[in-house]
N, C-alpha and C. Protein backbone atom coordinates (compact mmCIF):
# COMPACT_ATOMS: atom_id res chain seq x y z
N UNK A 1 0.73 -1.16 -0.01
CA UNK A 1 -0.02 0.04 -0.01
C UNK A 1 0.86 1.26 -0.04
N UNK A 2 1.87 1.31 0.82
CA UNK A 2 2.83 2.41 0.97
C UNK A 2 3.60 2.62 -0.35
N UNK A 3 3.95 1.54 -1.12
CA UNK A 3 4.64 1.56 -2.33
C UNK A 3 3.67 2.17 -3.33
N UNK A 4 2.44 1.80 -3.37
CA UNK A 4 1.47 2.30 -4.35
C UNK A 4 1.37 3.83 -4.15
N UNK A 5 1.25 4.34 -2.90
CA UNK A 5 1.08 5.77 -2.63
C UNK A 5 2.41 6.54 -3.06
N UNK A 6 3.45 5.90 -2.86
CA UNK A 6 4.76 6.53 -3.20
C UNK A 6 4.86 6.63 -4.78
N UNK A 7 4.44 5.61 -5.48
CA UNK A 7 4.51 5.58 -6.95
C UNK A 7 3.46 6.68 -7.49
N UNK A 8 2.29 6.68 -6.89
CA UNK A 8 1.24 7.73 -7.38
C UNK A 8 1.76 9.13 -7.03
N UNK A 9 2.45 9.31 -5.89
CA UNK A 9 2.96 10.67 -5.63
C UNK A 9 4.07 11.06 -6.56
N UNK A 10 4.90 10.11 -6.95
CA UNK A 10 5.94 10.35 -7.90
C UNK A 10 5.41 10.72 -9.33
N UNK A 11 4.39 9.98 -9.76
CA UNK A 11 3.72 10.17 -10.96
C UNK A 11 3.04 11.56 -11.03
N UNK A 12 2.41 11.96 -10.03
CA UNK A 12 1.72 13.19 -9.84
C UNK A 12 2.81 14.32 -9.95
N UNK A 13 3.86 14.15 -9.20
CA UNK A 13 4.92 15.27 -9.27
C UNK A 13 5.41 15.42 -10.67
N UNK A 14 5.74 14.27 -11.37
CA UNK A 14 6.26 14.31 -12.70
C UNK A 14 5.17 15.02 -13.67
N UNK A 15 4.04 14.71 -13.51
CA UNK A 15 2.87 15.37 -14.26
C UNK A 15 2.96 16.87 -14.09
N UNK A 16 3.03 17.33 -12.90
CA UNK A 16 3.01 18.68 -12.62
C UNK A 16 4.22 19.45 -13.16
N UNK A 17 5.36 18.79 -13.11
CA UNK A 17 6.60 19.43 -13.59
C UNK A 17 6.49 19.58 -15.09
N UNK A 18 6.07 18.51 -15.80
CA UNK A 18 5.98 18.53 -17.25
C UNK A 18 5.02 19.44 -17.74
N UNK A 19 3.91 19.66 -17.06
CA UNK A 19 2.86 20.71 -17.48
C UNK A 19 3.45 22.05 -17.25
N UNK A 20 4.03 22.35 -16.16
CA UNK A 20 4.64 23.55 -15.92
C UNK A 20 5.70 24.07 -16.88
N UNK A 21 6.55 23.06 -17.31
CA UNK A 21 7.69 23.30 -18.16
C UNK A 21 7.15 23.64 -19.57
N UNK A 22 6.11 22.90 -20.06
CA UNK A 22 5.73 23.03 -21.45
C UNK A 22 4.42 23.98 -21.57
N UNK A 23 4.05 24.60 -20.55
CA UNK A 23 2.66 25.37 -20.63
C UNK A 23 3.13 26.79 -21.11
N UNK A 24 2.69 27.16 -22.30
CA UNK A 24 2.92 28.50 -22.85
C UNK A 24 1.76 28.89 -23.63
N UNK A 25 1.76 30.16 -23.96
CA UNK A 25 0.61 30.78 -24.74
C UNK A 25 1.16 31.94 -25.59
N UNK A 26 0.29 32.52 -26.29
CA UNK A 26 0.67 33.62 -27.19
C UNK A 26 1.18 34.81 -26.20
N UNK A 27 0.80 34.73 -24.96
CA UNK A 27 1.13 35.84 -24.08
C UNK A 27 2.59 35.80 -23.75
N UNK A 28 3.25 34.74 -24.17
CA UNK A 28 4.68 34.61 -23.93
C UNK A 28 5.57 35.27 -25.04
N UNK A 29 4.77 35.88 -25.87
CA UNK A 29 5.40 36.61 -27.03
C UNK A 29 5.58 38.10 -26.62
N UNK A 30 6.70 38.77 -26.80
CA UNK A 30 6.96 40.16 -26.58
C UNK A 30 7.05 40.87 -27.92
N UNK A 31 6.28 41.85 -28.08
CA UNK A 31 6.47 42.68 -29.30
C UNK A 31 6.90 44.05 -28.95
N UNK A 32 8.07 44.39 -29.30
CA UNK A 32 8.66 45.68 -28.99
C UNK A 32 8.72 46.54 -30.16
N UNK A 33 8.28 47.78 -30.15
CA UNK A 33 8.22 48.70 -31.31
C UNK A 33 8.98 49.96 -30.90
N UNK A 34 9.96 50.31 -31.60
CA UNK A 34 10.79 51.51 -31.39
C UNK A 34 11.17 52.23 -32.67
N UNK A 35 11.28 53.51 -32.50
CA UNK A 35 11.72 54.38 -33.67
C UNK A 35 13.25 53.94 -34.11
N UNK A 36 13.41 53.91 -35.40
CA UNK A 36 14.68 53.59 -35.87
C UNK A 36 15.56 54.93 -36.07
N UNK A 37 14.87 55.97 -36.12
CA UNK A 37 15.59 57.36 -36.31
C UNK A 37 15.55 57.66 -37.83
N UNK A 38 15.17 56.77 -38.66
CA UNK A 38 15.08 57.04 -40.10
C UNK A 38 13.69 57.56 -40.50
N UNK A 39 13.67 58.18 -41.62
CA UNK A 39 12.49 58.69 -42.27
C UNK A 39 12.26 58.00 -43.61
N UNK A 40 11.06 57.57 -43.90
CA UNK A 40 10.69 56.92 -45.14
C UNK A 40 9.55 57.62 -45.66
N UNK A 41 9.76 58.24 -46.79
CA UNK A 41 8.67 58.98 -47.50
C UNK A 41 8.02 60.01 -46.48
N UNK A 42 8.84 60.65 -45.69
CA UNK A 42 8.32 61.68 -44.75
C UNK A 42 7.68 61.15 -43.52
N UNK A 43 7.69 59.78 -43.33
CA UNK A 43 7.13 59.19 -42.06
C UNK A 43 8.35 58.54 -41.20
N UNK A 44 8.16 58.58 -39.88
CA UNK A 44 9.13 57.98 -39.07
C UNK A 44 9.16 56.36 -39.26
N UNK A 45 10.39 55.92 -39.28
CA UNK A 45 10.41 54.49 -39.37
C UNK A 45 10.44 53.77 -38.01
N UNK A 46 9.76 52.64 -37.93
CA UNK A 46 9.68 51.86 -36.62
C UNK A 46 10.19 50.44 -36.92
N UNK A 47 10.92 49.99 -35.77
CA UNK A 47 11.42 48.72 -35.91
C UNK A 47 10.62 47.75 -34.93
N UNK A 48 10.16 46.65 -35.41
CA UNK A 48 9.39 45.77 -34.57
C UNK A 48 10.22 44.51 -34.38
N UNK A 49 10.27 44.17 -33.06
CA UNK A 49 11.01 42.93 -32.66
C UNK A 49 10.02 42.02 -31.93
N UNK A 50 9.85 40.81 -32.50
CA UNK A 50 8.93 39.87 -31.85
C UNK A 50 9.84 38.70 -31.18
N UNK A 51 9.62 38.60 -29.88
CA UNK A 51 10.46 37.62 -29.16
C UNK A 51 9.58 36.54 -28.53
N UNK A 52 9.96 35.34 -28.72
CA UNK A 52 9.25 34.23 -28.03
C UNK A 52 9.97 33.85 -26.73
N UNK A 53 9.36 34.13 -25.62
CA UNK A 53 9.83 33.94 -24.24
C UNK A 53 9.53 32.56 -23.71
N UNK A 54 9.02 31.74 -24.57
CA UNK A 54 8.61 30.41 -24.18
C UNK A 54 9.66 29.37 -24.44
N UNK A 55 9.82 28.30 -23.71
CA UNK A 55 10.58 27.12 -24.03
C UNK A 55 10.25 26.38 -25.21
N UNK A 56 8.94 26.56 -25.63
CA UNK A 56 8.44 25.79 -26.80
C UNK A 56 8.40 26.74 -28.03
N UNK A 57 8.33 26.23 -29.22
CA UNK A 57 8.23 27.08 -30.39
C UNK A 57 6.79 27.47 -30.54
N UNK A 58 6.63 28.63 -31.27
CA UNK A 58 5.31 29.16 -31.54
C UNK A 58 5.13 29.36 -32.94
N UNK A 59 3.91 28.87 -33.51
CA UNK A 59 3.74 28.91 -34.95
C UNK A 59 2.35 29.69 -35.25
N UNK A 60 2.09 30.03 -36.39
CA UNK A 60 0.87 30.62 -36.79
C UNK A 60 0.54 31.83 -35.87
N UNK A 61 1.60 32.63 -35.65
CA UNK A 61 1.40 33.82 -34.66
C UNK A 61 0.66 34.83 -35.32
N UNK A 62 -0.41 35.38 -34.63
CA UNK A 62 -1.24 36.40 -35.16
C UNK A 62 -1.14 37.63 -34.26
N UNK A 63 -1.12 38.86 -34.90
CA UNK A 63 -1.05 40.04 -34.12
C UNK A 63 -2.22 40.94 -34.43
N UNK A 64 -2.72 41.69 -33.49
CA UNK A 64 -3.78 42.62 -33.77
C UNK A 64 -3.20 43.83 -34.62
N UNK A 65 -3.62 44.04 -35.74
CA UNK A 65 -3.12 44.93 -36.72
C UNK A 65 -4.28 46.09 -37.00
N UNK A 66 -5.21 46.18 -36.14
CA UNK A 66 -6.27 47.13 -36.42
C UNK A 66 -5.71 48.57 -36.76
N UNK A 67 -6.04 49.10 -37.91
CA UNK A 67 -5.70 50.39 -38.27
C UNK A 67 -4.22 50.43 -38.80
N UNK A 68 -3.53 49.33 -38.90
CA UNK A 68 -2.16 49.27 -39.25
C UNK A 68 -1.99 49.78 -40.75
N UNK A 69 -0.95 50.80 -40.92
CA UNK A 69 -0.63 51.25 -42.16
C UNK A 69 0.88 51.43 -42.23
N UNK A 70 1.39 51.37 -43.46
CA UNK A 70 2.83 51.67 -43.69
C UNK A 70 3.09 52.07 -45.06
N UNK A 71 4.07 53.01 -45.21
CA UNK A 71 4.52 53.38 -46.51
C UNK A 71 5.77 52.63 -46.99
N UNK A 72 6.23 51.92 -46.08
CA UNK A 72 7.45 51.01 -46.28
C UNK A 72 6.95 49.63 -46.47
N UNK A 73 7.36 48.97 -47.61
CA UNK A 73 6.98 47.69 -47.87
C UNK A 73 7.54 46.62 -46.89
N UNK A 74 6.74 45.70 -46.40
CA UNK A 74 7.07 44.69 -45.53
C UNK A 74 7.18 43.38 -46.31
N UNK A 75 8.23 42.61 -46.20
CA UNK A 75 8.36 41.33 -47.03
C UNK A 75 7.26 40.50 -46.50
N UNK A 76 6.35 39.97 -47.34
CA UNK A 76 5.28 39.16 -47.02
C UNK A 76 5.72 37.75 -46.55
N UNK A 77 6.99 37.40 -46.79
CA UNK A 77 7.45 36.07 -46.23
C UNK A 77 7.69 36.24 -44.75
N UNK A 78 7.76 37.48 -44.23
CA UNK A 78 7.97 37.76 -42.80
C UNK A 78 6.62 38.04 -42.14
N UNK A 79 5.87 39.05 -42.74
CA UNK A 79 4.58 39.45 -42.11
C UNK A 79 3.54 39.63 -43.15
N UNK A 80 2.42 39.02 -43.03
CA UNK A 80 1.27 39.12 -43.89
C UNK A 80 0.10 39.82 -43.28
N UNK A 81 -0.30 40.98 -43.84
CA UNK A 81 -1.40 41.76 -43.22
C UNK A 81 -2.72 41.46 -43.91
N UNK A 82 -3.73 41.11 -43.21
CA UNK A 82 -5.08 40.80 -43.76
C UNK A 82 -6.06 41.50 -42.79
N UNK A 83 -6.56 42.58 -43.23
CA UNK A 83 -7.54 43.33 -42.41
C UNK A 83 -6.92 43.79 -41.13
N UNK A 84 -7.59 43.42 -40.04
CA UNK A 84 -7.13 43.71 -38.68
C UNK A 84 -6.19 42.69 -38.04
N UNK A 85 -5.86 41.70 -38.82
CA UNK A 85 -4.96 40.66 -38.26
C UNK A 85 -3.68 40.62 -39.19
N UNK A 86 -2.56 40.58 -38.41
CA UNK A 86 -1.28 40.22 -39.13
C UNK A 86 -0.77 38.86 -38.75
N UNK A 87 -0.42 38.12 -39.69
CA UNK A 87 0.19 36.71 -39.54
C UNK A 87 1.66 36.89 -39.59
N UNK A 88 2.46 36.49 -38.63
CA UNK A 88 3.83 36.47 -38.62
C UNK A 88 4.29 35.16 -39.34
N UNK A 89 4.51 35.33 -40.64
CA UNK A 89 4.81 34.24 -41.43
C UNK A 89 6.22 33.62 -41.19
N UNK A 90 7.27 34.39 -41.07
CA UNK A 90 8.59 34.01 -40.74
C UNK A 90 9.05 32.91 -41.74
N UNK A 91 8.76 33.21 -43.07
CA UNK A 91 9.11 32.26 -44.07
C UNK A 91 8.54 30.88 -43.86
N UNK A 92 7.47 30.79 -43.19
CA UNK A 92 6.87 29.45 -42.89
C UNK A 92 7.51 28.75 -41.69
N UNK A 93 8.41 29.30 -40.98
CA UNK A 93 9.15 28.60 -39.96
C UNK A 93 8.48 29.15 -38.60
N UNK A 94 8.59 28.22 -37.64
CA UNK A 94 8.08 28.63 -36.24
C UNK A 94 9.02 29.65 -35.67
N UNK A 95 8.53 30.33 -34.62
CA UNK A 95 9.38 31.27 -33.99
C UNK A 95 10.10 30.54 -32.79
N UNK A 96 11.31 30.53 -32.77
CA UNK A 96 12.19 29.94 -31.68
C UNK A 96 12.55 31.02 -30.75
N UNK A 97 13.77 30.94 -30.27
CA UNK A 97 14.31 32.00 -29.40
C UNK A 97 14.84 33.28 -30.18
N UNK A 98 15.28 33.02 -31.42
CA UNK A 98 15.73 34.10 -32.21
C UNK A 98 14.57 35.11 -32.59
N UNK A 99 14.76 36.36 -32.32
CA UNK A 99 13.58 37.31 -32.60
C UNK A 99 13.38 37.51 -34.09
N UNK A 100 12.09 37.90 -34.33
CA UNK A 100 11.76 38.23 -35.68
C UNK A 100 11.74 39.77 -35.76
N UNK A 101 12.35 40.32 -36.79
CA UNK A 101 12.43 41.71 -36.84
C UNK A 101 11.97 42.22 -38.24
N UNK A 102 11.15 43.34 -38.25
CA UNK A 102 10.80 43.92 -39.40
C UNK A 102 10.58 45.35 -39.23
N UNK A 103 10.41 46.11 -40.24
CA UNK A 103 10.31 47.61 -40.17
C UNK A 103 9.09 48.13 -40.91
N UNK A 104 8.49 49.17 -40.36
CA UNK A 104 7.49 49.90 -41.11
C UNK A 104 7.59 51.31 -40.89
N UNK A 105 6.98 52.10 -41.70
CA UNK A 105 7.02 53.57 -41.58
C UNK A 105 5.64 54.10 -41.68
N UNK A 106 5.21 54.94 -40.56
CA UNK A 106 3.99 55.58 -40.47
C UNK A 106 4.01 56.66 -39.34
N UNK A 107 3.07 57.54 -39.29
CA UNK A 107 3.10 58.55 -38.34
C UNK A 107 3.09 58.20 -36.88
N UNK A 108 2.47 57.07 -36.62
CA UNK A 108 2.38 56.68 -35.25
C UNK A 108 2.79 55.23 -35.02
N UNK A 109 3.03 54.88 -33.83
CA UNK A 109 3.41 53.58 -33.36
C UNK A 109 2.18 52.74 -33.24
N UNK A 110 2.16 51.58 -33.87
CA UNK A 110 1.09 50.56 -33.62
C UNK A 110 1.44 49.51 -32.63
N UNK A 111 0.60 49.23 -31.65
CA UNK A 111 0.93 48.32 -30.59
C UNK A 111 1.24 46.79 -31.08
N UNK A 112 0.52 46.38 -32.10
CA UNK A 112 0.75 45.02 -32.66
C UNK A 112 0.77 43.96 -31.64
N UNK A 113 -0.26 43.89 -30.76
CA UNK A 113 -0.33 42.88 -29.68
C UNK A 113 -0.50 41.50 -30.26
N UNK A 114 0.10 40.45 -29.70
CA UNK A 114 -0.31 39.04 -30.04
C UNK A 114 -1.61 38.72 -29.64
N UNK A 115 -2.38 38.02 -30.48
CA UNK A 115 -3.76 37.62 -30.13
C UNK A 115 -3.95 36.03 -30.28
N UNK A 116 -2.95 35.35 -30.92
CA UNK A 116 -3.21 33.89 -31.04
C UNK A 116 -1.84 33.30 -31.46
N UNK A 117 -1.57 32.08 -31.14
CA UNK A 117 -0.47 31.30 -31.79
C UNK A 117 -0.76 29.77 -31.48
N UNK A 118 -0.03 28.99 -32.13
CA UNK A 118 -0.01 27.53 -31.92
C UNK A 118 1.23 27.17 -31.29
N UNK A 119 1.21 26.37 -30.19
CA UNK A 119 2.35 26.05 -29.40
C UNK A 119 2.85 24.59 -29.77
N UNK A 120 4.19 24.45 -30.01
CA UNK A 120 4.68 23.07 -30.29
C UNK A 120 5.83 22.85 -29.35
N UNK A 121 5.59 21.85 -28.45
CA UNK A 121 6.68 21.50 -27.52
C UNK A 121 7.14 20.05 -27.97
N UNK A 122 8.44 19.89 -27.77
CA UNK A 122 8.95 18.49 -28.13
C UNK A 122 9.66 17.88 -26.96
């Protein structure tokens, strides 16, 4: 009986550890937007850095792009804009620890908050 309780306790402990280690969400993405100091067609240029702070990779990352505009072309293999949603394409690759960086030019800074992603832990 004591051995059974000990085994169950160990299994419960391992389950809790594995869930805590792999539990991530789109909220583990940090989007930083800063002025580059350059001007593009009379508009300030902004540098966007998206960082995955999760131990797991994140795919199909979507950002809130409501009202997003730019006079600087963004490579569609990096970011695809569709209405109020931006998909971080990253050339079809998931986002690991290396940040994704792109630039846009407009009068104001857009927050570009993450709203969804798919998590893949191995």
